[in-house]
Amino acid sequence: MAAAVEDQWLAAALDTAPAGRPAAEAGVREAYRQAGLPEPERIYWLGSPRAGAMAAAILASGTPNQASDAQSVHDAPSVHDAQSVRDALTRQGWTPGQSMGPSVRRQIRTEPWAAARERASAALGPEGWAQLGAAAGRRSWELVMDRVAGRIRLRLGEDLTADFPTARPRLLDAIYGQHDGVWLSTFEAADRLHSGLMAGLTGLAAVARHCGWWWAGARFAILTERPSLLARDNVGRLHRGEGPAIEYPDGYALWAWRGMPIPTDLAAELPHLTADRIGAESNAELRRVMLEHFGYERYLQEAGARSLHQDDTGTLWFLPLTGDEPLVMVEVVNATPEPDGTSRVYWLRVPPSTRTAREGVAWTFGLTPEEYRPQVQT
């Protein structure tokens, strides 16, 4: 049961469909009522969490930060600037000078969460609550909060610091919408065991099922769209070589390779990389991204790697890298032929200290060269 609940919330957390606006707005109003607050006078919609944070900064005092308006959006020219965000708010009925009031995130999210946790722990016992949390949320927490939402938050902090500094503190007031499903799943699973444990959280849950990040103010609420594209690798990390790994309807995007955010200018270069360009890159982490995209075998060949050692297990290749540890790899041939009779070649990256091919192959199995003595190779 717990795993099924987690699967449903994980699907919601990774959903890329357009927001269900009427249902999300109804959830917002319910969340305010459950917190004992008046419903928001108005709900505004923006196209991404970046635009949402900017809108929250504009509405915090009722007026935009003029110094920030003059700054350009450096990393994603299709993303709306501060003027465009103000225009979007105005089209939805905002009048300059109107403030959303102080953040009520604590009343809307923090306090109901703490109260629900106390009820669940009392009903299930501390050990039962911990076990349920592990069964209904541990997997999705890593996949969503660590590998998706956490990356978005870090990137937003960097972007807003550069382009709209007054919006960066608004990230602390964000409620994570669909990404809150990773903890809501545990409470829903607990509620199925002991009815009533979701009391006070149903409004938050409704918003999480239907939209992205949002901001709650005493007078106004700001809701944002879910991403329109989300690309991940086989272990759930943000990953895409031919375009952004996350993209929002207003054009805000994040490029990433195997979980590592990369600058848009590098993303544009990836399809056209050369060995010389990779060798000239001074940032070791970005160079590793380039190498993975370009291909280690191809790079070793084009950059002039030298053979250090050869034996019956394979060939050990060595290539120095400026500002980084050397690239050392073992070239091995699969002993089992393919259906067409050819033998597949594999390249295994091994520690720089490796001095023989056997040592390198043994290391991949966690063995010493003396221990690695396969009777049959497959």
Protein backbone atom coordinates (compact mmCIF):
# COMPACT_ATOMS: atom_id res chain seq x y z
CA MET A 1 0.00 0.00 0.00
CA ALA A 2 2.72 2.50 0.99
CA ALA A 3 4.68 1.84 -2.21
CA ALA A 4 1.57 2.36 -4.35
CA VAL A 5 0.86 5.69 -2.65
CA GLU A 6 4.47 6.76 -3.20
CA ASP A 7 4.27 5.81 -6.88
CA GLN A 8 1.21 8.02 -7.34
CA TRP A 9 2.88 11.00 -5.68
CA LEU A 10 6.12 10.41 -7.55
CA ALA A 11 4.18 10.57 -10.82
CA ALA A 12 2.62 13.87 -9.71
CA ALA A 13 6.03 15.26 -8.71
CA LEU A 14 7.44 14.52 -12.16
CA ASP A 15 4.33 15.50 -14.14
CA THR A 16 4.90 17.81 -17.11
CA ALA A 17 1.26 18.40 -18.06
CA PRO A 18 -0.13 21.96 -17.90
CA ALA A 19 -1.26 22.96 -14.44
CA GLY A 20 -4.84 22.18 -13.47
CA ARG A 21 -5.59 25.76 -12.59
CA PRO A 22 -9.15 25.57 -11.17
CA ALA A 23 -8.24 22.59 -8.96
CA ALA A 24 -4.99 24.20 -7.84
CA GLU A 25 -6.74 27.46 -6.95
CA ALA A 26 -9.40 25.57 -5.01
CA GLY A 27 -6.59 23.82 -3.12
CA VAL A 28 -4.96 27.15 -2.29
CA ARG A 29 -8.19 28.52 -0.84
CA GLU A 30 -8.67 25.33 1.17
CA ALA A 31 -5.11 25.53 2.49
CA TYR A 32 -5.72 29.11 3.69
CA ARG A 33 -8.97 28.09 5.40
CA GLN A 34 -7.31 25.10 7.07
CA ALA A 35 -4.62 27.43 8.39
CA GLY A 36 -7.30 29.72 9.86
CA LEU A 37 -6.52 32.50 7.39
CA PRO A 38 -8.80 34.52 5.09
CA GLU A 39 -8.72 33.23 1.53
CA PRO A 40 -6.37 35.18 -0.76
CA GLU A 41 -7.97 38.18 -2.42
CA ARG A 42 -6.38 37.26 -5.72
CA ILE A 43 -4.35 34.41 -7.21
CA TYR A 44 -1.75 35.19 -9.88
CA TRP A 45 -0.25 32.70 -12.35
CA LEU A 46 3.30 32.79 -13.73
CA GLY A 47 5.06 30.47 -16.17
CA SER A 48 7.99 29.21 -14.07
CA PRO A 49 9.41 29.28 -10.54
CA ARG A 50 11.86 31.94 -11.70
CA ALA A 51 9.00 34.23 -12.76
CA GLY A 52 7.15 33.29 -9.57
CA ALA A 53 10.07 34.38 -7.39
CA MET A 54 10.35 37.63 -9.34
CA ALA A 55 6.63 38.25 -8.94
CA ALA A 56 6.91 37.56 -5.21
CA ALA A 57 9.69 40.16 -4.97
CA ILE A 58 7.64 42.71 -6.91
CA LEU A 59 4.55 42.07 -4.79
CA ALA A 60 6.45 42.00 -1.49
CA SER A 61 6.44 45.79 -1.40
CA GLY A 62 3.96 46.45 -4.18
CA THR A 63 6.61 48.00 -6.44
CA PRO A 64 9.43 46.54 -8.54
CA ASN A 65 13.11 46.97 -7.81
CA GLN A 66 14.10 49.49 -10.45
CA ALA A 67 17.79 48.60 -10.28
CA SER A 68 16.94 45.00 -11.03
CA ASP A 69 14.72 46.00 -13.97
CA ALA A 70 17.74 47.35 -15.80
CA GLN A 71 19.56 44.04 -15.66
CA SER A 72 19.25 41.63 -18.54
CA VAL A 73 18.55 37.92 -18.38
CA HIS A 74 21.97 36.52 -19.24
CA ASP A 75 21.41 32.81 -19.47
CA ALA A 76 18.03 32.38 -21.12
CA PRO A 77 16.99 35.20 -23.45
CA SER A 78 13.49 33.74 -23.97
CA VAL A 79 12.66 34.14 -20.27
CA HIS A 80 10.56 37.14 -19.31
CA ASP A 81 12.39 40.01 -17.61
CA ALA A 82 11.04 42.03 -14.70
CA GLN A 83 8.92 44.23 -16.95
CA SER A 84 7.30 41.19 -18.51
CA VAL A 85 6.51 39.78 -15.08
CA ARG A 86 4.94 43.10 -14.05
CA ASP A 87 2.93 43.09 -17.28
CA ALA A 88 1.71 39.55 -16.57
CA LEU A 89 0.61 40.62 -13.10
CA THR A 90 -1.12 43.71 -14.46
CA ARG A 91 -3.04 41.67 -17.04
CA GLN A 92 -4.35 39.58 -14.15
CA GLY A 93 -5.61 42.59 -12.25
CA TRP A 94 -2.65 43.78 -10.21
CA THR A 95 -2.29 47.52 -9.65
CA PRO A 96 1.21 48.84 -8.91
CA GLY A 97 1.39 49.68 -5.25
CA GLN A 98 -0.59 46.64 -4.14
CA SER A 99 1.39 44.32 -1.86
CA MET A 100 0.79 40.61 -1.34
CA GLY A 101 1.47 41.13 2.35
CA PRO A 102 3.85 39.12 4.53
CA SER A 103 4.53 35.50 3.69
CA VAL A 104 2.22 33.02 5.40
CA ARG A 105 4.26 29.97 4.40
CA ARG A 106 4.73 29.03 8.05
CA GLN A 107 0.97 28.94 8.70
CA ILE A 108 0.16 27.28 5.37
CA ARG A 109 2.90 24.62 5.20
CA THR A 110 5.25 24.42 8.19
CA GLU A 111 2.77 24.34 11.06
CA PRO A 112 0.22 21.96 9.44
CA TRP A 113 3.09 19.60 8.54
CA ALA A 114 4.37 19.61 12.13
CA ALA A 115 0.89 19.03 13.55
CA ALA A 116 0.21 16.16 11.15
CA ARG A 117 3.55 14.59 11.97
CA GLU A 118 2.78 14.74 15.68
CA ARG A 119 -0.61 13.06 15.11
CA ALA A 120 0.91 10.36 12.91
CA SER A 121 3.72 9.64 15.34
CA ALA A 122 1.23 9.33 18.20
CA ALA A 123 -1.03 7.01 16.19
CA LEU A 124 1.68 4.78 14.75
CA GLY A 125 4.39 5.11 17.37
CA PRO A 126 7.81 6.58 16.59
CA GLU A 127 9.09 3.32 15.11
CA GLY A 128 5.97 2.74 13.02
CA TRP A 129 6.09 6.31 11.70
CA ALA A 130 9.76 5.94 10.77
CA GLN A 131 9.09 2.64 8.99
CA LEU A 132 6.19 4.13 7.06
CA GLY A 133 8.33 7.11 6.05
CA ALA A 134 10.96 4.75 4.69
CA ALA A 135 8.36 2.74 2.78
CA ALA A 136 6.39 5.66 1.36
CA GLY A 137 8.91 8.42 0.79
CA ARG A 138 12.57 7.48 0.91
CA ARG A 139 12.90 6.58 -2.79
CA SER A 140 10.96 9.57 -4.08
CA TRP A 141 12.79 11.99 -1.78
CA GLU A 142 16.11 11.20 -3.45
CA LEU A 143 14.64 11.19 -6.96
CA VAL A 144 12.69 14.43 -6.56
CA MET A 145 14.15 16.63 -3.83
CA ASP A 146 17.80 15.72 -4.33
CA ARG A 147 17.95 15.22 -8.09
CA VAL A 148 15.28 17.59 -9.43
CA ALA A 149 13.92 20.18 -6.98
CA GLY A 150 17.29 20.70 -5.31
CA ARG A 151 18.95 21.36 -8.67
CA ILE A 152 16.22 23.82 -9.63
CA ARG A 153 16.61 25.67 -6.34
CA LEU A 154 20.39 25.96 -6.72
CA ARG A 155 20.13 27.16 -10.30
CA LEU A 156 17.42 29.67 -9.43
CA GLY A 157 19.58 31.06 -6.64
CA GLU A 158 22.44 31.62 -9.08
CA ASP A 159 20.24 33.13 -11.79
CA LEU A 160 18.34 35.47 -9.51
CA THR A 161 21.51 36.66 -7.79
CA ALA A 162 22.82 37.70 -11.20
CA ASP A 163 19.64 39.06 -12.76
CA PHE A 164 17.16 40.07 -10.04
CA PRO A 165 18.85 40.10 -6.61
CA THR A 166 15.78 41.09 -4.61
CA ALA A 167 14.00 37.94 -5.82
CA ARG A 168 16.56 35.52 -4.43
CA PRO A 169 15.34 35.76 -0.80
CA ARG A 170 11.83 34.92 -2.06
CA LEU A 171 13.03 31.36 -2.68
CA LEU A 172 12.90 30.87 1.09
CA ASP A 173 9.16 31.57 0.95
CA ALA A 174 8.45 29.10 -1.85
CA ILE A 175 6.05 26.20 -1.32
CA TYR A 176 7.11 23.42 -3.65
CA GLY A 177 3.79 22.37 -5.12
CA GLN A 178 4.16 19.11 -7.03
CA HIS A 179 7.54 18.47 -5.39
CA ASP A 180 5.88 18.45 -1.94
CA GLY A 181 4.43 15.10 -2.91
CA VAL A 182 7.56 13.38 -1.60
CA TRP A 183 6.47 14.03 2.00
CA LEU A 184 2.74 14.16 1.41
CA SER A 185 2.90 10.54 0.26
CA THR A 186 3.93 9.44 3.76
CA PHE A 187 1.04 11.30 5.37
CA GLU A 188 -1.45 9.89 2.87
CA ALA A 189 -0.18 6.37 3.54
CA ALA A 190 -0.53 7.02 7.29
CA ASP A 191 -4.05 8.34 6.74
CA ARG A 192 -5.05 5.05 5.12
CA LEU A 193 -4.00 3.27 8.29
CA HIS A 194 -5.52 5.80 10.69
CA SER A 195 -8.18 8.03 9.19
CA GLY A 196 -7.81 11.73 9.94
CA LEU A 197 -4.05 12.04 9.78
CA MET A 198 -4.31 14.14 6.58
CA ALA A 199 -6.46 16.71 8.35
CA GLY A 200 -5.03 20.13 7.67
CA LEU A 201 -3.03 18.92 4.65
CA THR A 202 -5.73 18.30 2.05
CA GLY A 203 -5.46 21.81 0.64
CA LEU A 204 -1.69 21.52 0.26
CA ALA A 205 -2.16 18.09 -1.32
CA ALA A 206 -4.64 19.47 -3.86
CA VAL A 207 -2.20 22.18 -4.91
CA ALA A 208 0.64 19.65 -5.14
CA ARG A 209 -1.39 17.47 -7.47
CA HIS A 210 -2.13 20.29 -9.88
CA CYS A 211 0.69 22.86 -10.16
CA GLY A 212 4.31 23.77 -9.58
CA TRP A 213 5.97 25.98 -6.96
CA TRP A 214 3.88 28.68 -5.31
CA TRP A 215 4.03 31.57 -2.87
CA ALA A 216 1.45 32.39 -0.18
CA GLY A 217 1.05 35.96 1.03
CA ALA A 218 -1.43 37.39 3.50
CA ARG A 219 -3.37 39.04 0.64
CA PHE A 220 -2.31 37.38 -2.61
CA ALA A 221 -1.00 33.98 -3.72
CA ILE A 222 1.31 33.32 -6.68
CA LEU A 223 1.08 29.98 -8.47
CA THR A 224 3.36 28.70 -11.25
CA GLU A 225 3.21 26.16 -14.02
CA ARG A 226 4.82 22.74 -13.94
CA PRO A 227 7.74 22.16 -16.31
CA SER A 228 6.71 21.37 -19.86
CA LEU A 229 9.75 19.12 -20.32
CA LEU A 230 11.70 16.99 -17.85
CA ALA A 231 14.50 14.69 -19.06
CA ARG A 232 16.36 12.32 -16.73
CA ASP A 233 18.84 9.49 -17.10
CA ASN A 234 18.30 5.88 -16.03
CA VAL A 235 19.01 6.69 -12.36
CA GLY A 236 16.78 9.76 -12.23
CA ARG A 237 19.38 12.51 -12.63
CA LEU A 238 18.62 15.51 -14.83
CA HIS A 239 20.23 14.68 -18.15
CA ARG A 240 19.94 15.71 -21.80
CA GLY A 241 22.59 16.36 -24.42
CA GLU A 242 20.55 17.94 -27.21
CA GLY A 243 18.64 20.54 -25.21
CA PRO A 244 17.49 21.58 -21.73
CA ALA A 245 16.78 18.88 -19.17
CA ILE A 246 14.03 21.04 -17.64
CA GLU A 247 12.03 23.63 -19.52
CA TYR A 248 9.05 25.72 -18.41
CA PRO A 249 6.24 27.21 -20.53
CA ASP A 250 7.71 30.73 -20.32
CA GLY A 251 11.09 29.57 -21.63
CA TYR A 252 13.02 29.26 -18.38
CA ALA A 253 15.26 26.21 -18.69
CA LEU A 254 18.03 24.28 -17.02
CA TRP A 255 20.62 22.30 -18.97
CA ALA A 256 22.19 19.32 -17.22
CA TRP A 257 24.38 16.33 -17.96
CA ARG A 258 24.09 13.32 -15.63
CA GLY A 259 22.76 15.53 -12.87
CA MET A 260 25.26 18.36 -13.25
CA PRO A 261 23.80 21.71 -14.38
CA ILE A 262 25.77 23.13 -17.31
CA PRO A 263 25.84 26.63 -18.83
CA THR A 264 23.70 27.16 -21.91
CA ASP A 265 26.71 28.16 -24.01
CA LEU A 266 28.33 24.81 -23.26
CA ALA A 267 25.08 23.01 -24.03
CA ALA A 268 25.09 24.64 -27.45
CA GLU A 269 28.67 23.44 -28.01
CA LEU A 270 28.14 19.79 -27.14
CA PRO A 271 27.03 18.63 -30.62
CA HIS A 272 30.10 20.34 -32.18
CA LEU A 273 32.87 19.45 -29.74
CA THR A 274 36.41 18.74 -30.88
CA ALA A 275 39.32 17.15 -29.03
CA ASP A 276 41.13 20.51 -29.07
CA ARG A 277 38.16 22.29 -27.48
CA ILE A 278 37.95 19.66 -24.72
CA GLY A 279 41.66 19.93 -24.03
CA ALA A 280 41.41 23.71 -23.76
CA GLU A 281 38.64 23.63 -21.12
CA SER A 282 40.05 24.76 -17.76
CA ASN A 283 37.07 23.70 -15.64
CA ALA A 284 37.64 20.03 -14.77
CA GLU A 285 33.96 19.31 -14.07
CA LEU A 286 32.83 20.79 -17.38
CA ARG A 287 35.60 18.90 -19.15
CA ARG A 288 34.22 15.65 -17.74
CA VAL A 289 30.82 16.53 -19.16
CA MET A 290 32.44 17.15 -22.53
CA LEU A 291 34.33 13.86 -22.38
CA GLU A 292 31.22 11.85 -21.62
CA HIS A 293 29.34 13.49 -24.47
CA PHE A 294 32.23 13.26 -26.93
CA GLY A 295 33.14 9.70 -25.96
CA TYR A 296 36.24 8.55 -24.12
CA GLU A 297 37.36 6.18 -26.89
CA ARG A 298 37.12 8.86 -29.53
CA TYR A 299 38.93 11.39 -27.36
CA LEU A 300 41.77 9.03 -26.53
CA GLN A 301 42.26 8.34 -30.23
CA GLU A 302 42.06 11.97 -31.39
CA ALA A 303 44.06 13.46 -28.50
CA GLY A 304 46.98 11.08 -28.92
CA ALA A 305 46.80 8.81 -25.88
CA ARG A 306 49.71 6.41 -25.44
CA SER A 307 49.60 2.73 -24.61
CA LEU A 308 51.12 1.98 -21.20
CA HIS A 309 50.69 -1.76 -21.07
CA GLN A 310 49.10 -4.71 -22.85
CA ASP A 311 48.36 -8.26 -21.70
CA ASP A 312 45.74 -10.96 -22.18
CA THR A 313 43.09 -8.86 -20.42
CA GLY A 314 43.40 -5.77 -22.63
CA THR A 315 45.33 -2.58 -23.31
CA LEU A 316 45.96 0.20 -20.81
CA TRP A 317 45.86 3.74 -22.27
CA PHE A 318 47.14 6.96 -20.67
CA LEU A 319 46.44 10.61 -21.48
CA PRO A 320 47.43 13.60 -19.27
CA LEU A 321 44.78 16.29 -18.72
CA THR A 322 45.67 19.87 -17.81
CA GLY A 323 44.42 20.79 -14.33
CA ASP A 324 42.96 17.35 -13.70
CA GLU A 325 44.01 13.78 -13.03
CA PRO A 326 45.21 11.82 -16.10
CA LEU A 327 42.69 9.91 -18.17
CA VAL A 328 43.59 6.23 -17.78
CA MET A 329 41.43 3.56 -19.39
CA VAL A 330 41.58 -0.14 -20.18
CA GLU A 331 40.46 -1.27 -23.62
CA VAL A 332 38.99 -4.77 -23.37
CA VAL A 333 37.46 -7.07 -25.98
CA ASN A 334 34.38 -9.10 -25.10
CA ALA A 335 35.32 -12.77 -25.34
CA THR A 336 31.79 -13.70 -26.43
CA PRO A 337 31.20 -12.78 -30.10
CA GLU A 338 28.11 -10.86 -31.15
CA PRO A 339 25.52 -12.67 -33.33
CA ASP A 340 27.22 -11.27 -36.45
CA GLY A 341 30.56 -12.72 -35.37
CA THR A 342 32.20 -9.44 -34.31
CA SER A 343 33.64 -8.87 -30.83
CA ARG A 344 32.50 -5.81 -28.92
CA VAL A 345 35.14 -3.46 -27.45
CA TYR A 346 34.64 -1.83 -24.02
CA TRP A 347 36.52 1.06 -22.41
CA LEU A 348 36.85 1.07 -18.62
CA ARG A 349 38.08 4.15 -16.76
CA VAL A 350 40.45 3.17 -13.94
CA PRO A 351 42.48 5.03 -11.27
CA PRO A 352 45.42 7.14 -12.54
CA SER A 353 47.81 5.00 -10.52
CA THR A 354 46.99 1.88 -12.57
CA ARG A 355 50.06 0.47 -14.29
CA THR A 356 48.88 -2.75 -15.99
CA ALA A 357 45.77 -3.73 -17.91
CA ARG A 358 45.14 -6.65 -15.54
CA GLU A 359 45.35 -4.34 -12.54
CA GLY A 360 42.78 -2.06 -14.14
CA VAL A 361 40.32 -4.84 -15.00
CA ALA A 362 40.75 -6.38 -11.54
CA TRP A 363 40.02 -2.99 -9.94
CA THR A 364 36.61 -2.85 -11.68
CA PHE A 365 35.72 -6.06 -9.82
CA GLY A 366 37.15 -4.87 -6.51
CA LEU A 367 40.01 -7.36 -6.74
CA THR A 368 43.79 -7.27 -6.77
CA PRO A 369 45.65 -8.38 -9.92
CA GLU A 370 46.62 -11.61 -8.13
CA GLU A 371 43.01 -12.34 -7.19
CA TYR A 372 41.69 -11.70 -10.69
CA ARG A 373 42.09 -15.06 -12.42
CA PRO A 374 38.86 -15.80 -14.29
CA GLN A 375 38.42 -19.40 -15.38
CA VAL A 376 36.04 -18.45 -18.17
CA GLN A 377 35.71 -15.03 -19.79
CA THR A 378 32.27 -13.93 -20.98
